[in-house]
PDB file of N, CA and C in Angstrom:
ATOM      1  N   MET A   1       3.223 -16.145  -1.563  1.00  0.00           N
ATOM      2  CA  MET A   1       4.618 -16.364  -1.865  1.00  0.00           C
ATOM      3  C   MET A   1       5.365 -16.757  -0.591  1.00  0.00           C
ATOM      4  N   MET A   2       5.828 -17.935  -0.575  1.00  0.00           N
ATOM      5  CA  MET A   2       6.611 -18.405   0.568  1.00  0.00           C
ATOM      6  C   MET A   2       8.094 -18.194   0.282  1.00  0.00           C
ATOM      7  N   ILE A   3       8.788 -17.688   1.280  1.00  0.00           N
ATOM      8  CA  ILE A   3      10.224 -17.500   1.130  1.00  0.00           C
ATOM      9  C   ILE A   3      10.921 -18.812   1.476  1.00  0.00           C
ATOM     10  N   ASN A   4      11.786 -19.241   0.593  1.00  0.00           N
ATOM     11  CA  ASN A   4      12.613 -20.416   0.810  1.00  0.00           C
ATOM     12  C   ASN A   4      13.972 -19.897   1.284  1.00  0.00           C
ATOM     13  N   LEU A   5      14.305 -20.144   2.546  1.00  0.00           N
ATOM     14  CA  LEU A   5      15.516 -19.559   3.110  1.00  0.00           C
ATOM     15  C   LEU A   5      16.784 -19.988   2.390  1.00  0.00           C
ATOM     16  N   ALA A   6      16.809 -21.188   1.848  1.00  0.00           N
ATOM     17  CA  ALA A   6      18.004 -21.636   1.123  1.00  0.00           C
ATOM     18  C   ALA A   6      18.153 -20.913  -0.213  1.00  0.00           C
ATOM     19  N   ARG A   7      17.027 -20.583  -0.839  1.00  0.00           N
ATOM     20  CA  ARG A   7      17.064 -19.972  -2.159  1.00  0.00           C
ATOM     21  C   ARG A   7      16.950 -18.451  -2.113  1.00  0.00           C
ATOM     22  N   ASP A   8      16.178 -17.910  -1.177  1.00  0.00           N
ATOM     23  CA  ASP A   8      15.804 -16.500  -1.211  1.00  0.00           C
ATOM     24  C   ASP A   8      16.516 -15.617  -0.191  1.00  0.00           C
ATOM     25  N   LEU A   9      17.387 -16.179   0.594  1.00  0.00           N
ATOM     26  CA  LEU A   9      18.179 -15.419   1.559  1.00  0.00           C
ATOM     27  C   LEU A   9      19.598 -15.345   1.006  1.00  0.00           C
ATOM     28  N   LYS A  10      20.039 -14.150   0.652  1.00  0.00           N
ATOM     29  CA  LYS A  10      21.335 -14.007  -0.009  1.00  0.00           C
ATOM     30  C   LYS A  10      22.197 -12.975   0.698  1.00  0.00           C
ATOM     31  N   PRO A  11      23.481 -13.279   0.882  1.00  0.00           N
ATOM     32  CA  PRO A  11      24.389 -12.275   1.442  1.00  0.00           C
ATOM     33  C   PRO A  11      24.622 -11.159   0.428  1.00  0.00           C
ATOM     34  N   ILE A  12      24.935  -9.989   0.917  1.00  0.00           N
ATOM     35  CA  ILE A  12      25.115  -8.842   0.037  1.00  0.00           C
ATOM     36  C   ILE A  12      26.223  -9.074  -0.989  1.00  0.00           C
ATOM     37  N   SER A  13      27.234  -9.844  -0.620  1.00  0.00           N
ATOM     38  CA  SER A  13      28.309 -10.139  -1.581  1.00  0.00           C
ATOM     39  C   SER A  13      27.769 -10.916  -2.780  1.00  0.00           C
ATOM     40  N   TYR A  14      26.830 -11.835  -2.542  1.00  0.00           N
ATOM     41  CA  TYR A  14      26.211 -12.583  -3.635  1.00  0.00           C
ATOM     42  C   TYR A  14      25.392 -11.643  -4.516  1.00  0.00           C
ATOM     43  N   VAL A  15      24.642 -10.737  -3.885  1.00  0.00           N
ATOM     44  CA  VAL A  15      23.814  -9.796  -4.638  1.00  0.00           C
ATOM     45  C   VAL A  15      24.689  -8.915  -5.532  1.00  0.00           C
ATOM     46  N   LYS A  16      25.816  -8.459  -5.002  1.00  0.00           N
ATOM     47  CA  LYS A  16      26.729  -7.631  -5.795  1.00  0.00           C
ATOM     48  C   LYS A  16      27.237  -8.385  -7.024  1.00  0.00           C
ATOM     49  N   ALA A  17      27.531  -9.662  -6.847  1.00  0.00           N
ATOM     50  CA  ALA A  17      28.087 -10.463  -7.940  1.00  0.00           C
ATOM     51  C   ALA A  17      27.034 -10.971  -8.920  1.00  0.00           C
ATOM     52  N   HIS A  18      25.772 -11.012  -8.506  1.00  0.00           N
ATOM     53  CA  HIS A  18      24.714 -11.605  -9.343  1.00  0.00           C
ATOM     54  C   HIS A  18      23.490 -10.684  -9.472  1.00  0.00           C
ATOM     55  N   THR A  19      23.719  -9.399  -9.544  1.00  0.00           N
ATOM     56  CA  THR A  19      22.609  -8.442  -9.566  1.00  0.00           C
ATOM     57  C   THR A  19      21.638  -8.697 -10.707  1.00  0.00           C
ATOM     58  N   THR A  20      22.135  -8.855 -11.911  1.00  0.00           N
ATOM     59  CA  THR A  20      21.267  -9.060 -13.076  1.00  0.00           C
ATOM     60  C   THR A  20      20.414 -10.309 -12.901  1.00  0.00           C
ATOM     61  N   GLU A  21      21.016 -11.377 -12.444  1.00  0.00           N
ATOM     62  CA  GLU A  21      20.293 -12.635 -12.227  1.00  0.00           C
ATOM     63  C   GLU A  21      19.184 -12.461 -11.180  1.00  0.00           C
ATOM     64  N   ILE A  22      19.482 -11.759 -10.106  1.00  0.00           N
ATOM     65  CA  ILE A  22      18.493 -11.559  -9.034  1.00  0.00           C
ATOM     66  C   ILE A  22      17.350 -10.674  -9.513  1.00  0.00           C
ATOM     67  N   VAL A  23      17.674  -9.602 -10.240  1.00  0.00           N
ATOM     68  CA  VAL A  23      16.625  -8.717 -10.755  1.00  0.00           C
ATOM     69  C   VAL A  23      15.723  -9.481 -11.712  1.00  0.00           C
ATOM     70  N   LYS A  24      16.301 -10.316 -12.538  1.00  0.00           N
ATOM     71  CA  LYS A  24      15.502 -11.131 -13.456  1.00  0.00           C
ATOM     72  C   LYS A  24      14.625 -12.107 -12.668  1.00  0.00           C
ATOM     73  N   TYR A  25      15.162 -12.701 -11.623  1.00  0.00           N
ATOM     74  CA  TYR A  25      14.426 -13.653 -10.783  1.00  0.00           C
ATOM     75  C   TYR A  25      13.233 -12.977 -10.103  1.00  0.00           C
ATOM     76  N   VAL A  26      13.456 -11.841  -9.447  1.00  0.00           N
ATOM     77  CA  VAL A  26      12.346 -11.188  -8.742  1.00  0.00           C
ATOM     78  C   VAL A  26      11.401 -10.489  -9.714  1.00  0.00           C
ATOM     79  N   GLY A  27      11.856 -10.225 -10.927  1.00  0.00           N
ATOM     80  CA  GLY A  27      11.000  -9.619 -11.935  1.00  0.00           C
ATOM     81  C   GLY A  27       9.827 -10.495 -12.313  1.00  0.00           C
ATOM     82  N   ASP A  28       9.960 -11.788 -12.082  1.00  0.00           N
ATOM     83  CA  ASP A  28       8.841 -12.707 -12.278  1.00  0.00           C
ATOM     84  C   ASP A  28       7.910 -12.507 -11.089  1.00  0.00           C
ATOM     85  N   SER A  29       6.718 -11.969 -11.338  1.00  0.00           N
ATOM     86  CA  SER A  29       5.823 -11.596 -10.238  1.00  0.00           C
ATOM     87  C   SER A  29       5.418 -12.773  -9.353  1.00  0.00           C
ATOM     88  N   LYS A  30       5.681 -13.984  -9.804  1.00  0.00           N
ATOM     89  CA  LYS A  30       5.356 -15.145  -8.979  1.00  0.00           C
ATOM     90  C   LYS A  30       6.524 -15.540  -8.078  1.00  0.00           C
ATOM     91  N   ALA A  31       7.663 -14.905  -8.276  1.00  0.00           N
ATOM     92  CA  ALA A  31       8.836 -15.225  -7.463  1.00  0.00           C
ATOM     93  C   ALA A  31       8.727 -14.540  -6.104  1.00  0.00           C
ATOM     94  N   PRO A  32       9.157 -15.214  -5.067  1.00  0.00           N
ATOM     95  CA  PRO A  32       9.149 -14.576  -3.744  1.00  0.00           C
ATOM     96  C   PRO A  32      10.242 -13.510  -3.662  1.00  0.00           C
ATOM     97  N   PRO A  33      10.153 -12.619  -2.692  1.00  0.00           N
ATOM     98  CA  PRO A  33      11.198 -11.616  -2.534  1.00  0.00           C
ATOM     99  C   PRO A  33      12.526 -12.255  -2.131  1.00  0.00           C
ATOM    100  N   VAL A  34      13.597 -11.542  -2.405  1.00  0.00           N
ATOM    101  CA  VAL A  34      14.927 -11.983  -1.995  1.00  0.00           C
ATOM    102  C   VAL A  34      15.337 -11.133  -0.799  1.00  0.00           C
ATOM    103  N   VAL A  35      15.713 -11.791   0.280  1.00  0.00           N
ATOM    104  CA  VAL A  35      16.145 -11.101   1.487  1.00  0.00           C
ATOM    105  C   VAL A  35      17.665 -10.989   1.450  1.00  0.00           C
ATOM    106  N   ILE A  36      18.175  -9.780   1.605  1.00  0.00           N
ATOM    107  CA  ILE A  36      19.619  -9.540   1.563  1.00  0.00           C
ATOM    108  C   ILE A  36      20.134  -9.450   2.992  1.00  0.00           C
ATOM    109  N   THR A  37      21.190 -10.199   3.236  1.00  0.00           N
ATOM    110  CA  THR A  37      21.787 -10.179   4.570  1.00  0.00           C
ATOM    111  C   THR A  37      23.125  -9.457   4.542  1.00  0.00           C
ATOM    112  N   GLN A  38      23.469  -8.886   5.672  1.00  0.00           N
ATOM    113  CA  GLN A  38      24.774  -8.263   5.855  1.00  0.00           C
ATOM    114  C   GLN A  38      25.255  -8.675   7.242  1.00  0.00           C
ATOM    115  N   ASN A  39      26.432  -9.275   7.280  1.00  0.00           N
ATOM    116  CA  ASN A  39      26.984  -9.805   8.528  1.00  0.00           C
ATOM    117  C   ASN A  39      26.011 -10.770   9.207  1.00  0.00           C
ATOM    118  N   GLY A  40      25.302 -11.561   8.387  1.00  0.00           N
ATOM    119  CA  GLY A  40      24.405 -12.584   8.913  1.00  0.00           C
ATOM    120  C   GLY A  40      23.035 -12.091   9.327  1.00  0.00           C
ATOM    121  N   GLU A  41      22.752 -10.794   9.203  1.00  0.00           N
ATOM    122  CA  GLU A  41      21.457 -10.243   9.588  1.00  0.00           C
ATOM    123  C   GLU A  41      20.692  -9.757   8.363  1.00  0.00           C
ATOM    124  N   ALA A  42      19.395 -10.004   8.346  1.00  0.00           N
ATOM    125  CA  ALA A  42      18.559  -9.505   7.259  1.00  0.00           C
ATOM    126  C   ALA A  42      18.555  -7.981   7.300  1.00  0.00           C
ATOM    127  N   LYS A  43      18.852  -7.355   6.149  1.00  0.00           N
ATOM    128  CA  LYS A  43      18.944  -5.891   6.092  1.00  0.00           C
ATOM    129  C   LYS A  43      18.029  -5.270   5.052  1.00  0.00           C
ATOM    130  N   ALA A  44      17.701  -5.989   3.987  1.00  0.00           N
ATOM    131  CA  ALA A  44      16.887  -5.418   2.918  1.00  0.00           C
ATOM    132  C   ALA A  44      16.160  -6.532   2.178  1.00  0.00           C
ATOM    133  N   VAL A  45      15.194  -6.108   1.364  1.00  0.00           N
ATOM    134  CA  VAL A  45      14.406  -7.052   0.577  1.00  0.00           C
ATOM    135  C   VAL A  45      14.305  -6.519  -0.845  1.00  0.00           C
ATOM    136  N   ILE A  46      14.469  -7.391  -1.812  1.00  0.00           N
ATOM    137  CA  ILE A  46      14.257  -7.041  -3.213  1.00  0.00           C
ATOM    138  C   ILE A  46      12.981  -7.747  -3.662  1.00  0.00           C
ATOM    139  N   ILE A  47      12.021  -6.935  -4.150  1.00  0.00           N
ATOM    140  CA  ILE A  47      10.767  -7.502  -4.648  1.00  0.00           C
ATOM    141  C   ILE A  47      10.475  -6.920  -6.022  1.00  0.00           C
ATOM    142  N   ASP A  48       9.583  -7.587  -6.749  1.00  0.00           N
ATOM    143  CA  ASP A  48       9.208  -7.089  -8.067  1.00  0.00           C
ATOM    144  C   ASP A  48       8.349  -5.844  -7.916  1.00  0.00           C
ATOM    145  N   ILE A  49       8.309  -5.032  -8.955  1.00  0.00           N
ATOM    146  CA  ILE A  49       7.622  -3.746  -8.907  1.00  0.00           C
ATOM    147  C   ILE A  49       6.123  -3.889  -8.691  1.00  0.00           C
ATOM    148  N   GLU A  50       5.515  -4.920  -9.259  1.00  0.00           N
ATOM    149  CA  GLU A  50       4.074  -5.129  -9.080  1.00  0.00           C
ATOM    150  C   GLU A  50       3.738  -5.409  -7.614  1.00  0.00           C
ATOM    151  N   SER A  51       4.537  -6.257  -6.979  1.00  0.00           N
ATOM    152  CA  SER A  51       4.314  -6.549  -5.560  1.00  0.00           C
ATOM    153  C   SER A  51       4.541  -5.313  -4.704  1.00  0.00           C
ATOM    154  N   TYR A  52       5.552  -4.518  -5.064  1.00  0.00           N
ATOM    155  CA  TYR A  52       5.822  -3.286  -4.334  1.00  0.00           C
ATOM    156  C   TYR A  52       4.641  -2.330  -4.450  1.00  0.00           C
ATOM    157  N   GLN A  53       4.113  -2.163  -5.662  1.00  0.00           N
ATOM    158  CA  GLN A  53       2.967  -1.272  -5.871  1.00  0.00           C
ATOM    159  C   GLN A  53       1.759  -1.751  -5.083  1.00  0.00           C
ATOM    160  N   LYS A  54       1.509  -3.059  -5.071  1.00  0.00           N
ATOM    161  CA  LYS A  54       0.392  -3.608  -4.302  1.00  0.00           C
ATOM    162  C   LYS A  54       0.574  -3.337  -2.810  1.00  0.00           C
ATOM    163  N   THR A  55       1.796  -3.431  -2.336  1.00  0.00           N
ATOM    164  CA  THR A  55       2.086  -3.157  -0.931  1.00  0.00           C
ATOM    165  C   THR A  55       1.817  -1.691  -0.602  1.00  0.00           C
ATOM    166  N   ILE A  56       2.291  -0.789  -1.464  1.00  0.00           N
ATOM    167  CA  ILE A  56       2.055   0.638  -1.258  1.00  0.00           C
ATOM    168  C   ILE A  56       0.555   0.938  -1.277  1.00  0.00           C
ATOM    169  N   ASN A  57      -0.167   0.349  -2.226  1.00  0.00           N
ATOM    170  CA  ASN A  57      -1.612   0.554  -2.305  1.00  0.00           C
ATOM    171  C   ASN A  57      -2.311   0.063  -1.040  1.00  0.00           C
ATOM    172  N   ALA A  58      -1.892  -1.093  -0.530  1.00  0.00           N
ATOM    173  CA  ALA A  58      -2.500  -1.647   0.677  1.00  0.00           C
ATOM    174  C   ALA A  58      -2.239  -0.750   1.885  1.00  0.00           C
ATOM    175  N   VAL A  59      -1.034  -0.229   1.999  1.00  0.00           N
ATOM    176  CA  VAL A  59      -0.694   0.677   3.106  1.00  0.00           C
ATOM    177  C   VAL A  59      -1.533   1.948   3.013  1.00  0.00           C
ATOM    178  N   ASN A  60      -1.646   2.508   1.805  1.00  0.00           N
ATOM    179  CA  ASN A  60      -2.442   3.720   1.632  1.00  0.00           C
ATOM    180  C   ASN A  60      -3.910   3.479   1.945  1.00  0.00           C
ATOM    181  N   LEU A  61      -4.439   2.340   1.532  1.00  0.00           N
ATOM    182  CA  LEU A  61      -5.829   2.000   1.840  1.00  0.00           C
ATOM    183  C   LEU A  61      -6.023   1.869   3.354  1.00  0.00           C
ATOM    184  N   ALA A  62      -5.080   1.237   4.022  1.00  0.00           N
ATOM    185  CA  ALA A  62      -5.168   1.092   5.479  1.00  0.00           C
ATOM    186  C   ALA A  62      -5.177   2.462   6.160  1.00  0.00           C
ATOM    187  N   LYS A  63      -4.374   3.401   5.653  1.00  0.00           N
ATOM    188  CA  LYS A  63      -4.371   4.757   6.210  1.00  0.00           C
ATOM    189  C   LYS A  63      -5.736   5.420   6.027  1.00  0.00           C
ATOM    190  N   LEU A  64      -6.290   5.301   4.822  1.00  0.00           N
ATOM    191  CA  LEU A  64      -7.603   5.898   4.563  1.00  0.00           C
ATOM    192  C   LEU A  64      -8.677   5.292   5.457  1.00  0.00           C
ATOM    193  N   LEU A  65      -8.623   3.976   5.628  1.00  0.00           N
ATOM    194  CA  LEU A  65      -9.604   3.310   6.472  1.00  0.00           C
ATOM    195  C   LEU A  65      -9.467   3.747   7.928  1.00  0.00           C
ATOM    196  N   SER A  66      -8.242   3.979   8.366  1.00  0.00           N
ATOM    197  CA  SER A  66      -8.053   4.424   9.748  1.00  0.00           C
ATOM    198  C   SER A  66      -8.639   5.821   9.943  1.00  0.00           C
ATOM    199  N   PHE A  67      -8.522   6.693   8.918  1.00  0.00           N
ATOM    200  CA  PHE A  67      -9.133   8.020   9.020  1.00  0.00           C
ATOM    201  C   PHE A  67     -10.644   7.879   9.132  1.00  0.00           C
ATOM    202  N   GLY A  68     -11.220   7.003   8.313  1.00  0.00           N
ATOM    203  CA  GLY A  68     -12.661   6.779   8.362  1.00  0.00           C
ATOM    204  C   GLY A  68     -13.102   6.232   9.707  1.00  0.00           C
ATOM    205  N   GLY A  69     -12.313   5.333  10.255  1.00  0.00           N
ATOM    206  CA  GLY A  69     -12.619   4.773  11.568  1.00  0.00           C
ATOM    207  C   GLY A  69     -12.625   5.836  12.649  1.00  0.00           C
ATOM    208  N   LYS A  70     -11.676   6.763  12.568  1.00  0.00           N
ATOM    209  CA  LYS A  70     -11.629   7.862  13.542  1.00  0.00           C
ATOM    210  C   LYS A  70     -12.851   8.761  13.403  1.00  0.00           C
ATOM    211  N   ASP A  71     -13.242   9.044  12.151  1.00  0.00           N
ATOM    212  CA  ASP A  71     -14.431   9.872  11.938  1.00  0.00           C
ATOM    213  C   ASP A  71     -15.673   9.207  12.516  1.00  0.00           C
ATOM    214  N   ILE A  72     -15.819   7.915  12.294  1.00  0.00           N
ATOM    215  CA  ILE A  72     -16.976   7.193  12.829  1.00  0.00           C
ATOM    216  C   ILE A  72     -16.968   7.251  14.352  1.00  0.00           C
ATOM    217  N   LYS A  73     -15.821   7.023  14.934  1.00  0.00           N
ATOM    218  CA  LYS A  73     -15.690   7.045  16.394  1.00  0.00           C
ATOM    219  C   LYS A  73     -16.057   8.418  16.959  1.00  0.00           C
ATOM    220  N   ASN A  74     -15.692   9.476  16.219  1.00  0.00           N
ATOM    221  CA  ASN A  74     -15.961  10.842  16.682  1.00  0.00           C
ATOM    222  C   ASN A  74     -17.336  11.354  16.266  1.00  0.00           C
ATOM    223  N   GLY A  75     -18.115  10.504  15.605  1.00  0.00           N
ATOM    224  CA  GLY A  75     -19.466  10.891  15.211  1.00  0.00           C
ATOM    225  C   GLY A  75     -19.529  11.761  13.976  1.00  0.00           C
ATOM    226  N   ASN A  76     -18.435  11.863  13.240  1.00  0.00           N
ATOM    227  CA  ASN A  76     -18.409  12.661  12.014  1.00  0.00           C
ATOM    228  C   ASN A  76     -18.889  11.824  10.839  1.00  0.00           C
ATOM    229  N   ILE A  77     -20.186  11.597  10.818  1.00  0.00           N
ATOM    230  CA  ILE A  77     -20.763  10.756   9.778  1.00  0.00           C
ATOM    231  C   ILE A  77     -21.941  11.484   9.143  1.00  0.00           C
ATOM    232  N   ILE A  78     -22.275  11.092   7.922  1.00  0.00           N
ATOM    233  CA  ILE A  78     -23.457  11.611   7.248  1.00  0.00           C
ATOM    234  C   ILE A  78     -24.216  10.428   6.662  1.00  0.00           C
ATOM    235  N   THR A  79     -25.486  10.667   6.362  1.00  0.00           N
ATOM    236  CA  THR A  79     -26.291   9.594   5.784  1.00  0.00           C
ATOM    237  C   THR A  79     -25.909   9.400   4.322  1.00  0.00           C
ATOM    238  N   HIS A  80     -26.298   8.272   3.807  1.00  0.00           N
ATOM    239  CA  HIS A  80     -26.045   7.974   2.394  1.00  0.00           C
ATOM    240  C   HIS A  80     -26.725   9.010   1.502  1.00  0.00           C
ATOM    241  N   GLU A  81     -27.943   9.383   1.837  1.00  0.00           N
ATOM    242  CA  GLU A  81     -28.687  10.361   1.043  1.00  0.00           C
ATOM    243  C   GLU A  81     -27.975  11.708   1.022  1.00  0.00           C
ATOM    244  N   ASN A  82     -27.491  12.160   2.170  1.00  0.00           N
ATOM    245  CA  ASN A  82     -26.770  13.436   2.205  1.00  0.00           C
ATOM    246  C   ASN A  82     -25.459  13.351   1.433  1.00  0.00           C
ATOM    247  N   ALA A  83     -24.794  12.213   1.497  1.00  0.00           N
ATOM    248  CA  ALA A  83     -23.555  12.037   0.732  1.00  0.00           C
ATOM    249  C   ALA A  83     -23.844  12.117  -0.765  1.00  0.00           C
ATOM    250  N   LYS A  84     -24.942  11.496  -1.197  1.00  0.00           N
ATOM    251  CA  LYS A  84     -25.319  11.555  -2.613  1.00  0.00           C
ATOM    252  C   LYS A  84     -25.588  12.984  -3.043  1.00  0.00           C
ATOM    253  N   LYS A  85     -26.282  13.754  -2.212  1.00  0.00           N
ATOM    254  CA  LYS A  85     -26.568  15.154  -2.536  1.00  0.00           C
ATOM    255  C   LYS A  85     -25.279  15.962  -2.672  1.00  0.00           C
ATOM    256  N   ILE A  86     -24.370  15.738  -1.765  1.00  0.00           N
ATOM    257  CA  ILE A  86     -23.088  16.459  -1.814  1.00  0.00           C
ATOM    258  C   ILE A  86     -22.334  16.108  -3.088  1.00  0.00           C
ATOM    259  N   PHE A  87     -22.278  14.828  -3.417  1.00  0.00           N
ATOM    260  CA  PHE A  87     -21.582  14.404  -4.638  1.00  0.00           C
ATOM    261  C   PHE A  87     -22.250  14.976  -5.883  1.00  0.00           C
ATOM    262  N   GLU A  88     -23.577  14.970  -5.900  1.00  0.00           N
ATOM    263  CA  GLU A  88     -24.292  15.509  -7.055  1.00  0.00           C
ATOM    264  C   GLU A  88     -24.015  16.994  -7.223  1.00  0.00           C
ATOM    265  N   ARG A  89     -24.013  17.753  -6.126  1.00  0.00           N
ATOM    266  CA  ARG A  89     -23.713  19.182  -6.205  1.00  0.00           C
ATOM    267  C   ARG A  89     -22.269  19.402  -6.648  1.00  0.00           C
ATOM    268  N   THR A  90     -21.368  18.598  -6.094  1.00  0.00           N
ATOM    269  CA  THR A  90     -19.949  18.769  -6.407  1.00  0.00           C
ATOM    270  C   THR A  90     -19.639  18.361  -7.839  1.00  0.00           C
ATOM    271  N   LEU A  91     -20.147  17.219  -8.255  1.00  0.00           N
ATOM    272  CA  LEU A  91     -19.839  16.700  -9.586  1.00  0.00           C
ATOM    273  C   LEU A  91     -20.755  17.254 -10.667  1.00  0.00           C
ATOM    274  N   GLY A  92     -21.793  17.939 -10.252  1.00  0.00           N
ATOM    275  CA  GLY A  92     -22.734  18.488 -11.208  1.00  0.00           C
ATOM    276  C   GLY A  92     -22.238  19.736 -11.909  1.00  0.00           C
ATOM    277  N   GLY A  93     -21.047  20.180 -11.618  1.00  0.00           N
ATOM    278  CA  GLY A  93     -20.472  21.319 -12.302  1.00  0.00           C
ATOM    279  C   GLY A  93     -20.661  22.632 -11.567  1.00  0.00           C
ATOM    280  N   LYS A  94     -21.440  22.654 -10.512  1.00  0.00           N
ATOM    281  CA  LYS A  94     -21.634  23.880  -9.755  1.00  0.00           C
ATOM    282  C   LYS A  94     -20.435  24.094  -8.848  1.00  0.00           C
ATOM    283  N   LYS A  95     -19.873  25.266  -8.927  1.00  0.00           N
ATOM    284  CA  LYS A  95     -18.705  25.559  -8.095  1.00  0.00           C
ATOM    285  C   LYS A  95     -19.182  26.194  -6.796  1.00  0.00           C
ATOM    286  N   ARG A  96     -19.221  25.391  -5.775  1.00  0.00           N
ATOM    287  CA  ARG A  96     -19.626  25.859  -4.446  1.00  0.00           C
ATOM    288  C   ARG A  96     -18.619  25.364  -3.439  1.00  0.00           C
ATOM    289  N   ASN A  97     -18.500  26.111  -2.393  1.00  0.00           N
ATOM    290  CA  ASN A  97     -17.664  25.670  -1.279  1.00  0.00           C
ATOM    291  C   ASN A  97     -18.557  24.828  -0.375  1.00  0.00           C
ATOM    292  N   ILE A  98     -18.435  23.527  -0.483  1.00  0.00           N
ATOM    293  CA  ILE A  98     -19.297  22.614   0.268  1.00  0.00           C
ATOM    294  C   ILE A  98     -18.616  22.249   1.571  1.00  0.00           C
ATOM    295  N   ASN A  99     -19.303  22.490   2.641  1.00  0.00           N
ATOM    296  CA  ASN A  99     -18.779  22.186   3.961  1.00  0.00           C
ATOM    297  C   ASN A  99     -19.527  20.963   4.485  1.00  0.00           C
ATOM    298  N   VAL A 100     -18.858  19.835   4.532  1.00  0.00           N
ATOM    299  CA  VAL A 100     -19.476  18.593   4.974  1.00  0.00           C
ATOM    300  C   VAL A 100     -19.451  18.555   6.491  1.00  0.00           C
ATOM    301  N   LYS A 101     -20.635  18.440   7.080  1.00  0.00           N
ATOM    302  CA  LYS A 101     -20.740  18.355   8.529  1.00  0.00           C
ATOM    303  C   LYS A 101     -21.476  17.083   8.885  1.00  0.00           C
ATOM    304  N   SER A 102     -21.227  16.610  10.049  1.00  0.00           N
ATOM    305  CA  SER A 102     -21.884  15.403  10.521  1.00  0.00           C
ATOM    306  C   SER A 102     -23.382  15.630  10.627  1.00  0.00           C
ATOM    307  N   ASP A 103     -24.165  14.580  10.350  1.00  0.00           N
ATOM    308  CA  ASP A 103     -25.608  14.633  10.513  1.00  0.00           C
ATOM    309  C   ASP A 103     -25.984  14.725  11.991  1.00  0.00           C
ATOM    310  N   ARG A 104     -25.069  14.398  12.865  1.00  0.00           N
ATOM    311  CA  ARG A 104     -25.356  14.378  14.295  1.00  0.00           C
ATOM    312  C   ARG A 104     -25.298  15.765  14.918  1.00  0.00           C
ATOM    313  N   GLN A 105     -24.915  16.772  14.166  1.00  0.00           N
ATOM    314  CA  GLN A 105     -24.808  18.122  14.726  1.00  0.00           C
ATOM    315  C   GLN A 105     -26.141  18.801  14.770  1.00  0.00           C
TER     316      GLN A 105
END
């Protein structure tokens, strides 16, 4: 989605006067976001809910990946076989307190 500055950059006064029209416009998931300006400076963005959810999901995935990267860097890793065993014990219905430790210990 490319932002067209002539079409998608709107002063807050325009947004106040045309809220329904703008919400309908951004509600089309193929529409680019609308950037709201105040005193000539970009201050906010209006995007459709699907794009917002995708953005939140991407941020959350990036956080999870960063945790995994830190674990790898610190040597907190296990083999695929040990991971399968842990999952089988956990999902197999047995209630145990499973303490996952690195294979390198």
